[in-house]
């Protein structure tokens, strides 16, 4: 993933959480598969947050904890961290679901 793609992904996640993104922006973000394995890991995680952190309000995508995790992810994407830090975060969250 390029720095620009990381920034754009972080911005989209935040705008989704703040309910300021376009009507189909989130769907467009989580739907297509990518040949970039880093982006694919990010996309699949974001797409599965409603299963990993089920919402208590049927109008919401995920629980408050899920929203918090997506905010953490966006902070990691904006940071200068190596993508390994981001992939470790995603994998550790997915592992919690599998236990």
PDB file of N, CA and C in Angstrom:
ATOM      1  N   UNK A   1       0.840  -1.188   0.000  1.00  0.00           N
ATOM      2  CA  UNK A   1       0.000   0.000   0.000  1.00  0.00           C
ATOM      3  C   UNK A   1       0.875   1.238   0.000  1.00  0.00           C
ATOM      4  N   UNK A   2       0.498   2.183  -0.796  1.00  0.00           N
ATOM      5  CA  UNK A   2       1.239   3.439  -0.806  1.00  0.00           C
ATOM      6  C   UNK A   2       0.789   4.304   0.374  1.00  0.00           C
ATOM      7  N   UNK A   3       1.580   5.314   0.677  1.00  0.00           N
ATOM      8  CA  UNK A   3       1.201   6.249   1.740  1.00  0.00           C
ATOM      9  C   UNK A   3      -0.122   6.931   1.393  1.00  0.00           C
ATOM     10  N   UNK A   4      -0.298   7.256   0.130  1.00  0.00           N
ATOM     11  CA  UNK A   4      -1.537   7.900  -0.305  1.00  0.00           C
ATOM     12  C   UNK A   4      -2.731   6.974  -0.090  1.00  0.00           C
ATOM     13  N   UNK A   5      -2.585   5.691  -0.427  1.00  0.00           N
ATOM     14  CA  UNK A   5      -3.672   4.725  -0.225  1.00  0.00           C
ATOM     15  C   UNK A   5      -3.979   4.548   1.256  1.00  0.00           C
ATOM     16  N   UNK A   6      -2.943   4.568   2.063  1.00  0.00           N
ATOM     17  CA  UNK A   6      -3.149   4.461   3.515  1.00  0.00           C
ATOM     18  C   UNK A   6      -3.943   5.655   4.018  1.00  0.00           C
ATOM     19  N   UNK A   7      -3.555   6.856   3.592  1.00  0.00           N
ATOM     20  CA  UNK A   7      -4.245   8.077   4.018  1.00  0.00           C
ATOM     21  C   UNK A   7      -5.697   8.077   3.547  1.00  0.00           C
ATOM     22  N   UNK A   8      -5.912   7.709   2.294  1.00  0.00           N
ATOM     23  CA  UNK A   8      -7.275   7.664   1.753  1.00  0.00           C
ATOM     24  C   UNK A   8      -8.130   6.637   2.491  1.00  0.00           C
ATOM     25  N   UNK A   9      -7.543   5.488   2.809  1.00  0.00           N
ATOM     26  CA  UNK A   9      -8.283   4.455   3.547  1.00  0.00           C
ATOM     27  C   UNK A   9      -8.640   4.947   4.943  1.00  0.00           C
ATOM     28  N   UNK A  10      -7.689   5.565   5.616  1.00  0.00           N
ATOM     29  CA  UNK A  10      -7.933   6.102   6.962  1.00  0.00           C
ATOM     30  C   UNK A  10      -9.038   7.148   6.922  1.00  0.00           C
ATOM     31  N   UNK A  11      -8.973   8.041   5.949  1.00  0.00           N
ATOM     32  CA  UNK A  11      -9.994   9.084   5.828  1.00  0.00           C
ATOM     33  C   UNK A  11     -11.367   8.494   5.569  1.00  0.00           C
ATOM     34  N   UNK A  12     -11.425   7.461   4.741  1.00  0.00           N
ATOM     35  CA  UNK A  12     -12.708   6.839   4.445  1.00  0.00           C
ATOM     36  C   UNK A  12     -13.274   6.154   5.689  1.00  0.00           C
ATOM     37  N   UNK A  13     -12.431   5.445   6.425  1.00  0.00           N
ATOM     38  CA  UNK A  13     -12.888   4.790   7.655  1.00  0.00           C
ATOM     39  C   UNK A  13     -13.444   5.825   8.623  1.00  0.00           C
ATOM     40  N   UNK A  14     -12.722   6.923   8.801  1.00  0.00           N
ATOM     41  CA  UNK A  14     -13.179   7.961   9.728  1.00  0.00           C
ATOM     42  C   UNK A  14     -14.466   8.618   9.246  1.00  0.00           C
ATOM     43  N   UNK A  15     -14.571   8.881   7.951  1.00  0.00           N
ATOM     44  CA  UNK A  15     -15.798   9.499   7.447  1.00  0.00           C
ATOM     45  C   UNK A  15     -16.976   8.527   7.560  1.00  0.00           C
ATOM     46  N   UNK A  16     -16.713   7.239   7.421  1.00  0.00           N
ATOM     47  CA  UNK A  16     -17.769   6.242   7.615  1.00  0.00           C
ATOM     48  C   UNK A  16     -18.244   6.262   9.067  1.00  0.00           C
ATOM     49  N   UNK A  17     -17.293   6.260   9.993  1.00  0.00           N
ATOM     50  CA  UNK A  17     -17.652   6.263  11.414  1.00  0.00           C
ATOM     51  C   UNK A  17     -18.374   7.549  11.816  1.00  0.00           C
ATOM     52  N   UNK A  18     -17.989   8.657  11.197  1.00  0.00           N
ATOM     53  CA  UNK A  18     -18.610   9.945  11.505  1.00  0.00           C
ATOM     54  C   UNK A  18     -19.870  10.197  10.675  1.00  0.00           C
ATOM     55  N   UNK A  19     -20.218   9.225   9.836  1.00  0.00           N
ATOM     56  CA  UNK A  19     -21.401   9.292   8.977  1.00  0.00           C
ATOM     57  C   UNK A  19     -21.364  10.480   8.021  1.00  0.00           C
ATOM     58  N   UNK A  20     -20.163  10.764   7.499  1.00  0.00           N
ATOM     59  CA  UNK A  20     -20.023  11.867   6.547  1.00  0.00           C
ATOM     60  C   UNK A  20     -19.599  11.386   5.161  1.00  0.00           C
ATOM     61  N   UNK A  21     -19.423  10.084   4.989  1.00  0.00           N
ATOM     62  CA  UNK A  21     -19.022   9.587   3.667  1.00  0.00           C
ATOM     63  C   UNK A  21     -20.242   9.474   2.766  1.00  0.00           C
ATOM     64  N   UNK A  22     -19.986   9.338   1.500  1.00  0.00           N
ATOM     65  CA  UNK A  22     -21.069   9.200   0.528  1.00  0.00           C
ATOM     66  C   UNK A  22     -21.852   7.913   0.739  1.00  0.00           C
ATOM     67  N   UNK A  23     -23.020   7.855   0.153  1.00  0.00           N
ATOM     68  CA  UNK A  23     -23.942   6.736   0.353  1.00  0.00           C
ATOM     69  C   UNK A  23     -23.321   5.378   0.037  1.00  0.00           C
ATOM     70  N   UNK A  24     -22.452   5.321  -0.965  1.00  0.00           N
ATOM     71  CA  UNK A  24     -21.894   4.031  -1.380  1.00  0.00           C
ATOM     72  C   UNK A  24     -20.387   3.927  -1.141  1.00  0.00           C
ATOM     73  N   UNK A  25     -19.794   4.920  -0.521  1.00  0.00           N
ATOM     74  CA  UNK A  25     -18.339   4.918  -0.327  1.00  0.00           C
ATOM     75  C   UNK A  25     -17.856   3.708   0.467  1.00  0.00           C
ATOM     76  N   UNK A  26     -18.546   3.398   1.562  1.00  0.00           N
ATOM     77  CA  UNK A  26     -18.130   2.254   2.392  1.00  0.00           C
ATOM     78  C   UNK A  26     -18.284   0.952   1.613  1.00  0.00           C
ATOM     79  N   UNK A  27     -19.412   0.789   0.958  1.00  0.00           N
ATOM     80  CA  UNK A  27     -19.630  -0.421   0.157  1.00  0.00           C
ATOM     81  C   UNK A  27     -18.578  -0.559  -0.935  1.00  0.00           C
ATOM     82  N   UNK A  28     -18.255   0.546  -1.592  1.00  0.00           N
ATOM     83  CA  UNK A  28     -17.222   0.514  -2.633  1.00  0.00           C
ATOM     84  C   UNK A  28     -15.859   0.152  -2.056  1.00  0.00           C
ATOM     85  N   UNK A  29     -15.608   0.577  -0.825  1.00  0.00           N
ATOM     86  CA  UNK A  29     -14.332   0.311  -0.160  1.00  0.00           C
ATOM     87  C   UNK A  29     -14.199  -1.157   0.239  1.00  0.00           C
ATOM     88  N   UNK A  30     -15.258  -1.734   0.787  1.00  0.00           N
ATOM     89  CA  UNK A  30     -15.152  -3.096   1.324  1.00  0.00           C
ATOM     90  C   UNK A  30     -15.508  -4.181   0.318  1.00  0.00           C
ATOM     91  N   UNK A  31     -16.099  -3.826  -0.811  1.00  0.00           N
ATOM     92  CA  UNK A  31     -16.588  -4.843  -1.744  1.00  0.00           C
ATOM     93  C   UNK A  31     -15.560  -5.428  -2.709  1.00  0.00           C
ATOM     94  N   UNK A  32     -14.840  -4.615  -3.448  1.00  0.00           N
ATOM     95  CA  UNK A  32     -13.966  -5.227  -4.464  1.00  0.00           C
ATOM     96  C   UNK A  32     -12.735  -5.873  -3.846  1.00  0.00           C
ATOM     97  N   UNK A  33     -12.296  -6.942  -4.441  1.00  0.00           N
ATOM     98  CA  UNK A  33     -11.049  -7.535  -3.977  1.00  0.00           C
ATOM     99  C   UNK A  33      -9.895  -6.826  -4.685  1.00  0.00           C
ATOM    100  N   UNK A  34      -8.719  -6.964  -4.090  1.00  0.00           N
ATOM    101  CA  UNK A  34      -7.549  -6.265  -4.613  1.00  0.00           C
ATOM    102  C   UNK A  34      -6.404  -7.247  -4.804  1.00  0.00           C
ATOM    103  N   UNK A  35      -5.546  -6.949  -5.748  1.00  0.00           N
ATOM    104  CA  UNK A  35      -4.353  -7.771  -5.949  1.00  0.00           C
ATOM    105  C   UNK A  35      -3.270  -7.428  -4.945  1.00  0.00           C
ATOM    106  N   UNK A  36      -3.415  -6.273  -4.278  1.00  0.00           N
ATOM    107  CA  UNK A  36      -2.454  -5.854  -3.252  1.00  0.00           C
ATOM    108  C   UNK A  36      -2.804  -6.583  -1.948  1.00  0.00           C
ATOM    109  N   UNK A  37      -1.947  -7.475  -1.472  1.00  0.00           N
ATOM    110  CA  UNK A  37      -2.285  -8.254  -0.279  1.00  0.00           C
ATOM    111  C   UNK A  37      -2.477  -7.392   0.975  1.00  0.00           C
ATOM    112  N   UNK A  38      -1.768  -6.286   1.075  1.00  0.00           N
ATOM    113  CA  UNK A  38      -1.945  -5.403   2.228  1.00  0.00           C
ATOM    114  C   UNK A  38      -3.328  -4.763   2.207  1.00  0.00           C
ATOM    115  N   UNK A  39      -3.711  -4.244   1.047  1.00  0.00           N
ATOM    116  CA  UNK A  39      -5.033  -3.637   0.944  1.00  0.00           C
ATOM    117  C   UNK A  39      -6.120  -4.688   1.137  1.00  0.00           C
ATOM    118  N   UNK A  40      -5.908  -5.873   0.640  1.00  0.00           N
ATOM    119  CA  UNK A  40      -6.899  -6.943   0.777  1.00  0.00           C
ATOM    120  C   UNK A  40      -7.099  -7.307   2.250  1.00  0.00           C
ATOM    121  N   UNK A  41      -6.015  -7.368   3.013  1.00  0.00           N
ATOM    122  CA  UNK A  41      -6.124  -7.640   4.449  1.00  0.00           C
ATOM    123  C   UNK A  41      -6.941  -6.546   5.121  1.00  0.00           C
ATOM    124  N   UNK A  42      -6.654  -5.306   4.796  1.00  0.00           N
ATOM    125  CA  UNK A  42      -7.380  -4.167   5.350  1.00  0.00           C
ATOM    126  C   UNK A  42      -8.855  -4.222   4.956  1.00  0.00           C
ATOM    127  N   UNK A  43      -9.131  -4.455   3.694  1.00  0.00           N
ATOM    128  CA  UNK A  43     -10.499  -4.499   3.185  1.00  0.00           C
ATOM    129  C   UNK A  43     -11.320  -5.593   3.868  1.00  0.00           C
ATOM    130  N   UNK A  44     -10.755  -6.781   3.964  1.00  0.00           N
ATOM    131  CA  UNK A  44     -11.477  -7.909   4.568  1.00  0.00           C
ATOM    132  C   UNK A  44     -11.754  -7.634   6.047  1.00  0.00           C
ATOM    133  N   UNK A  45     -10.776  -7.070   6.739  1.00  0.00           N
ATOM    134  CA  UNK A  45     -10.995  -6.750   8.154  1.00  0.00           C
ATOM    135  C   UNK A  45     -12.128  -5.736   8.298  1.00  0.00           C
ATOM    136  N   UNK A  46     -12.072  -4.667   7.528  1.00  0.00           N
ATOM    137  CA  UNK A  46     -13.118  -3.646   7.609  1.00  0.00           C
ATOM    138  C   UNK A  46     -14.478  -4.235   7.263  1.00  0.00           C
ATOM    139  N   UNK A  47     -14.517  -5.090   6.263  1.00  0.00           N
ATOM    140  CA  UNK A  47     -15.774  -5.714   5.855  1.00  0.00           C
ATOM    141  C   UNK A  47     -16.329  -6.643   6.928  1.00  0.00           C
ATOM    142  N   UNK A  48     -15.467  -7.200   7.753  1.00  0.00           N
ATOM    143  CA  UNK A  48     -15.915  -8.171   8.756  1.00  0.00           C
ATOM    144  C   UNK A  48     -16.141  -7.571  10.135  1.00  0.00           C
ATOM    145  N   UNK A  49     -15.925  -6.268  10.300  1.00  0.00           N
ATOM    146  CA  UNK A  49     -16.069  -5.685  11.644  1.00  0.00           C
ATOM    147  C   UNK A  49     -17.491  -5.820  12.181  1.00  0.00           C
ATOM    148  N   UNK A  50     -18.487  -5.862  11.318  1.00  0.00           N
ATOM    149  CA  UNK A  50     -19.850  -6.041  11.831  1.00  0.00           C
ATOM    150  C   UNK A  50     -20.078  -7.456  12.369  1.00  0.00           C
ATOM    151  N   UNK A  51     -19.249  -8.415  11.968  1.00  0.00           N
ATOM    152  CA  UNK A  51     -19.318  -9.773  12.525  1.00  0.00           C
ATOM    153  C   UNK A  51     -18.414  -9.919  13.742  1.00  0.00           C
ATOM    154  N   UNK A  52     -17.247  -9.288  13.676  1.00  0.00           N
ATOM    155  CA  UNK A  52     -16.315  -9.359  14.796  1.00  0.00           C
ATOM    156  C   UNK A  52     -16.845  -8.613  16.019  1.00  0.00           C
ATOM    157  N   UNK A  53     -17.536  -7.505  15.768  1.00  0.00           N
ATOM    158  CA  UNK A  53     -18.068  -6.657  16.837  1.00  0.00           C
ATOM    159  C   UNK A  53     -19.532  -6.364  16.504  1.00  0.00           C
ATOM    160  N   UNK A  54     -20.423  -7.319  16.737  1.00  0.00           N
ATOM    161  CA  UNK A  54     -21.820  -7.148  16.339  1.00  0.00           C
ATOM    162  C   UNK A  54     -22.458  -5.911  16.990  1.00  0.00           C
ATOM    163  N   UNK A  55     -23.264  -5.212  16.225  1.00  0.00           N
ATOM    164  CA  UNK A  55     -23.903  -4.017  16.773  1.00  0.00           C
ATOM    165  C   UNK A  55     -25.013  -4.373  17.755  1.00  0.00           C
ATOM    166  N   UNK A  56     -25.204  -3.515  18.736  1.00  0.00           N
ATOM    167  CA  UNK A  56     -26.340  -3.677  19.641  1.00  0.00           C
ATOM    168  C   UNK A  56     -27.534  -2.891  19.101  1.00  0.00           C
ATOM    169  N   UNK A  57     -27.252  -1.897  18.277  1.00  0.00           N
ATOM    170  CA  UNK A  57     -28.284  -1.100  17.609  1.00  0.00           C
ATOM    171  C   UNK A  57     -28.361  -1.568  16.155  1.00  0.00           C
ATOM    172  N   UNK A  58     -29.517  -2.038  15.715  1.00  0.00           N
ATOM    173  CA  UNK A  58     -29.616  -2.568  14.347  1.00  0.00           C
ATOM    174  C   UNK A  58     -29.323  -1.528  13.254  1.00  0.00           C
ATOM    175  N   UNK A  59     -29.316  -0.244  13.601  1.00  0.00           N
ATOM    176  CA  UNK A  59     -29.019   0.801  12.622  1.00  0.00           C
ATOM    177  C   UNK A  59     -27.515   1.025  12.471  1.00  0.00           C
ATOM    178  N   UNK A  60     -26.732   0.408  13.328  1.00  0.00           N
ATOM    179  CA  UNK A  60     -25.274   0.613  13.312  1.00  0.00           C
ATOM    180  C   UNK A  60     -24.568  -0.524  12.589  1.00  0.00           C
ATOM    181  N   UNK A  61     -23.393  -0.231  12.053  1.00  0.00           N
ATOM    182  CA  UNK A  61     -22.575  -1.230  11.366  1.00  0.00           C
ATOM    183  C   UNK A  61     -21.979  -2.226  12.359  1.00  0.00           C
ATOM    184  N   UNK A  62     -21.453  -1.699  13.470  1.00  0.00           N
ATOM    185  CA  UNK A  62     -20.802  -2.548  14.467  1.00  0.00           C
ATOM    186  C   UNK A  62     -20.998  -1.928  15.846  1.00  0.00           C
ATOM    187  N   UNK A  63     -20.496  -2.616  16.860  1.00  0.00           N
ATOM    188  CA  UNK A  63     -20.620  -2.117  18.229  1.00  0.00           C
ATOM    189  C   UNK A  63     -19.694  -0.919  18.447  1.00  0.00           C
ATOM    190  N   UNK A  64     -19.811  -0.310  19.619  1.00  0.00           N
ATOM    191  CA  UNK A  64     -18.912   0.792  19.974  1.00  0.00           C
ATOM    192  C   UNK A  64     -17.468   0.315  20.001  1.00  0.00           C
ATOM    193  N   UNK A  65     -17.248  -0.905  20.468  1.00  0.00           N
ATOM    194  CA  UNK A  65     -15.891  -1.454  20.475  1.00  0.00           C
ATOM    195  C   UNK A  65     -15.370  -1.595  19.046  1.00  0.00           C
ATOM    196  N   UNK A  66     -16.206  -2.051  18.147  1.00  0.00           N
ATOM    197  CA  UNK A  66     -15.813  -2.159  16.746  1.00  0.00           C
ATOM    198  C   UNK A  66     -15.450  -0.804  16.163  1.00  0.00           C
ATOM    199  N   UNK A  67     -16.227   0.216  16.487  1.00  0.00           N
ATOM    200  CA  UNK A  67     -15.919   1.573  16.026  1.00  0.00           C
ATOM    201  C   UNK A  67     -14.586   2.045  16.587  1.00  0.00           C
ATOM    202  N   UNK A  68     -14.350   1.722  17.846  1.00  0.00           N
ATOM    203  CA  UNK A  68     -13.063   2.083  18.471  1.00  0.00           C
ATOM    204  C   UNK A  68     -11.901   1.395  17.751  1.00  0.00           C
ATOM    205  N   UNK A  69     -12.073   0.129  17.412  1.00  0.00           N
ATOM    206  CA  UNK A  69     -11.023  -0.612  16.707  1.00  0.00           C
ATOM    207  C   UNK A  69     -10.781  -0.024  15.316  1.00  0.00           C
ATOM    208  N   UNK A  70     -11.841   0.391  14.633  1.00  0.00           N
ATOM    209  CA  UNK A  70     -11.676   1.021  13.324  1.00  0.00           C
ATOM    210  C   UNK A  70     -10.961   2.365  13.451  1.00  0.00           C
ATOM    211  N   UNK A  71     -11.215   3.100  14.521  1.00  0.00           N
ATOM    212  CA  UNK A  71     -10.501   4.361  14.748  1.00  0.00           C
ATOM    213  C   UNK A  71      -9.015   4.103  15.013  1.00  0.00           C
ATOM    214  N   UNK A  72      -8.726   3.071  15.784  1.00  0.00           N
ATOM    215  CA  UNK A  72      -7.325   2.697  16.028  1.00  0.00           C
ATOM    216  C   UNK A  72      -6.656   2.333  14.709  1.00  0.00           C
ATOM    217  N   UNK A  73      -7.356   1.572  13.906  1.00  0.00           N
ATOM    218  CA  UNK A  73      -6.824   1.181  12.601  1.00  0.00           C
ATOM    219  C   UNK A  73      -6.537   2.412  11.743  1.00  0.00           C
ATOM    220  N   UNK A  74      -7.439   3.365  11.739  1.00  0.00           N
ATOM    221  CA  UNK A  74      -7.210   4.573  10.937  1.00  0.00           C
ATOM    222  C   UNK A  74      -5.998   5.342  11.451  1.00  0.00           C
ATOM    223  N   UNK A  75      -5.801   5.376  12.765  1.00  0.00           N
ATOM    224  CA  UNK A  75      -4.619   6.035  13.334  1.00  0.00           C
ATOM    225  C   UNK A  75      -3.344   5.323  12.895  1.00  0.00           C
ATOM    226  N   UNK A  76      -3.379   4.004  12.875  1.00  0.00           N
ATOM    227  CA  UNK A  76      -2.221   3.243  12.424  1.00  0.00           C
ATOM    228  C   UNK A  76      -1.927   3.502  10.950  1.00  0.00           C
ATOM    229  N   UNK A  77      -2.980   3.607  10.152  1.00  0.00           N
ATOM    230  CA  UNK A  77      -2.802   3.866   8.727  1.00  0.00           C
ATOM    231  C   UNK A  77      -2.175   5.245   8.494  1.00  0.00           C
ATOM    232  N   UNK A  78      -2.559   6.222   9.283  1.00  0.00           N
ATOM    233  CA  UNK A  78      -2.032   7.576   9.144  1.00  0.00           C
ATOM    234  C   UNK A  78      -0.595   7.670   9.645  1.00  0.00           C
ATOM    235  N   UNK A  79      -0.261   6.834  10.617  1.00  0.00           N
ATOM    236  CA  UNK A  79       1.072   6.883  11.222  1.00  0.00           C
ATOM    237  C   UNK A  79       2.155   6.458  10.218  1.00  0.00           C
ATOM    238  N   UNK A  80       3.382   6.603  10.646  1.00  0.00           N
ATOM    239  CA  UNK A  80       4.513   6.186   9.815  1.00  0.00           C
ATOM    240  C   UNK A  80       4.922   4.743  10.098  1.00  0.00           C
ATOM    241  N   UNK A  81       4.081   4.030  10.839  1.00  0.00           N
ATOM    242  CA  UNK A  81       4.381   2.633  11.169  1.00  0.00           C
ATOM    243  C   UNK A  81       4.505   1.787   9.908  1.00  0.00           C
ATOM    244  N   UNK A  82       5.356   0.798   9.975  1.00  0.00           N
ATOM    245  CA  UNK A  82       5.432  -0.183   8.901  1.00  0.00           C
ATOM    246  C   UNK A  82       4.088  -0.903   8.809  1.00  0.00           C
ATOM    247  N   UNK A  83       3.750  -1.399   7.621  1.00  0.00           N
ATOM    248  CA  UNK A  83       2.467  -2.076   7.470  1.00  0.00           C
ATOM    249  C   UNK A  83       2.390  -3.318   8.348  1.00  0.00           C
ATOM    250  N   UNK A  84       3.513  -3.880   8.731  1.00  0.00           N
ATOM    251  CA  UNK A  84       3.512  -5.058   9.610  1.00  0.00           C
ATOM    252  C   UNK A  84       2.802  -4.749  10.926  1.00  0.00           C
ATOM    253  N   UNK A  85       2.961  -3.540  11.442  1.00  0.00           N
ATOM    254  CA  UNK A  85       2.269  -3.150  12.672  1.00  0.00           C
ATOM    255  C   UNK A  85       0.760  -3.185  12.450  1.00  0.00           C
ATOM    256  N   UNK A  86       0.329  -2.717  11.304  1.00  0.00           N
ATOM    257  CA  UNK A  86      -1.096  -2.719  10.963  1.00  0.00           C
ATOM    258  C   UNK A  86      -1.597  -4.147  10.778  1.00  0.00           C
ATOM    259  N   UNK A  87      -0.842  -4.951  10.054  1.00  0.00           N
ATOM    260  CA  UNK A  87      -1.273  -6.337   9.835  1.00  0.00           C
ATOM    261  C   UNK A  87      -1.279  -7.120  11.141  1.00  0.00           C
ATOM    262  N   UNK A  88      -0.344  -6.852  12.031  1.00  0.00           N
ATOM    263  CA  UNK A  88      -0.344  -7.515  13.347  1.00  0.00           C
ATOM    264  C   UNK A  88      -1.595  -7.141  14.140  1.00  0.00           C
ATOM    265  N   UNK A  89      -1.967  -5.864  14.085  1.00  0.00           N
ATOM    266  CA  UNK A  89      -3.186  -5.414  14.771  1.00  0.00           C
ATOM    267  C   UNK A  89      -4.405  -6.150  14.204  1.00  0.00           C
ATOM    268  N   UNK A  90      -4.531  -6.164  12.892  1.00  0.00           N
ATOM    269  CA  UNK A  90      -5.673  -6.821  12.249  1.00  0.00           C
ATOM    270  C   UNK A  90      -5.709  -8.308  12.594  1.00  0.00           C
ATOM    271  N   UNK A  91      -4.584  -8.973  12.479  1.00  0.00           N
ATOM    272  CA  UNK A  91      -4.532 -10.419  12.761  1.00  0.00           C
ATOM    273  C   UNK A  91      -4.853 -10.719  14.221  1.00  0.00           C
ATOM    274  N   UNK A  92      -4.393  -9.877  15.139  1.00  0.00           N
ATOM    275  CA  UNK A  92      -4.687 -10.117  16.560  1.00  0.00           C
ATOM    276  C   UNK A  92      -6.181  -9.940  16.830  1.00  0.00           C
ATOM    277  N   UNK A  93      -6.813  -8.984  16.164  1.00  0.00           N
ATOM    278  CA  UNK A  93      -8.257  -8.798  16.333  1.00  0.00           C
ATOM    279  C   UNK A  93      -9.031  -9.973  15.739  1.00  0.00           C
ATOM    280  N   UNK A  94      -8.609 -10.456  14.605  1.00  0.00           N
ATOM    281  CA  UNK A  94      -9.278 -11.593  13.982  1.00  0.00           C
ATOM    282  C   UNK A  94      -9.102 -12.853  14.825  1.00  0.00           C
ATOM    283  N   UNK A  95      -7.945 -13.009  15.438  1.00  0.00           N
ATOM    284  CA  UNK A  95      -7.672 -14.184  16.288  1.00  0.00           C
ATOM    285  C   UNK A  95      -8.613 -14.213  17.484  1.00  0.00           C
ATOM    286  N   UNK A  96      -8.927 -13.048  18.039  1.00  0.00           N
ATOM    287  CA  UNK A  96      -9.855 -12.978  19.187  1.00  0.00           C
ATOM    288  C   UNK A  96     -11.210 -13.555  18.800  1.00  0.00           C
ATOM    289  N   UNK A  97     -11.623 -13.321  17.564  1.00  0.00           N
ATOM    290  CA  UNK A  97     -12.913 -13.807  17.096  1.00  0.00           C
ATOM    291  C   UNK A  97     -12.899 -15.322  16.931  1.00  0.00           C
ATOM    292  N   UNK A  98     -11.756 -15.866  16.549  1.00  0.00           N
ATOM    293  CA  UNK A  98     -11.664 -17.301  16.287  1.00  0.00           C
ATOM    294  C   UNK A  98     -11.595 -18.129  17.567  1.00  0.00           C
ATOM    295  N   UNK A  99     -11.284 -17.482  18.680  1.00  0.00           N
ATOM    296  CA  UNK A  99     -11.153 -18.233  19.945  1.00  0.00           C
ATOM    297  C   UNK A  99     -12.479 -18.534  20.551  1.00  0.00           C
TER     298      UNK A  99
END
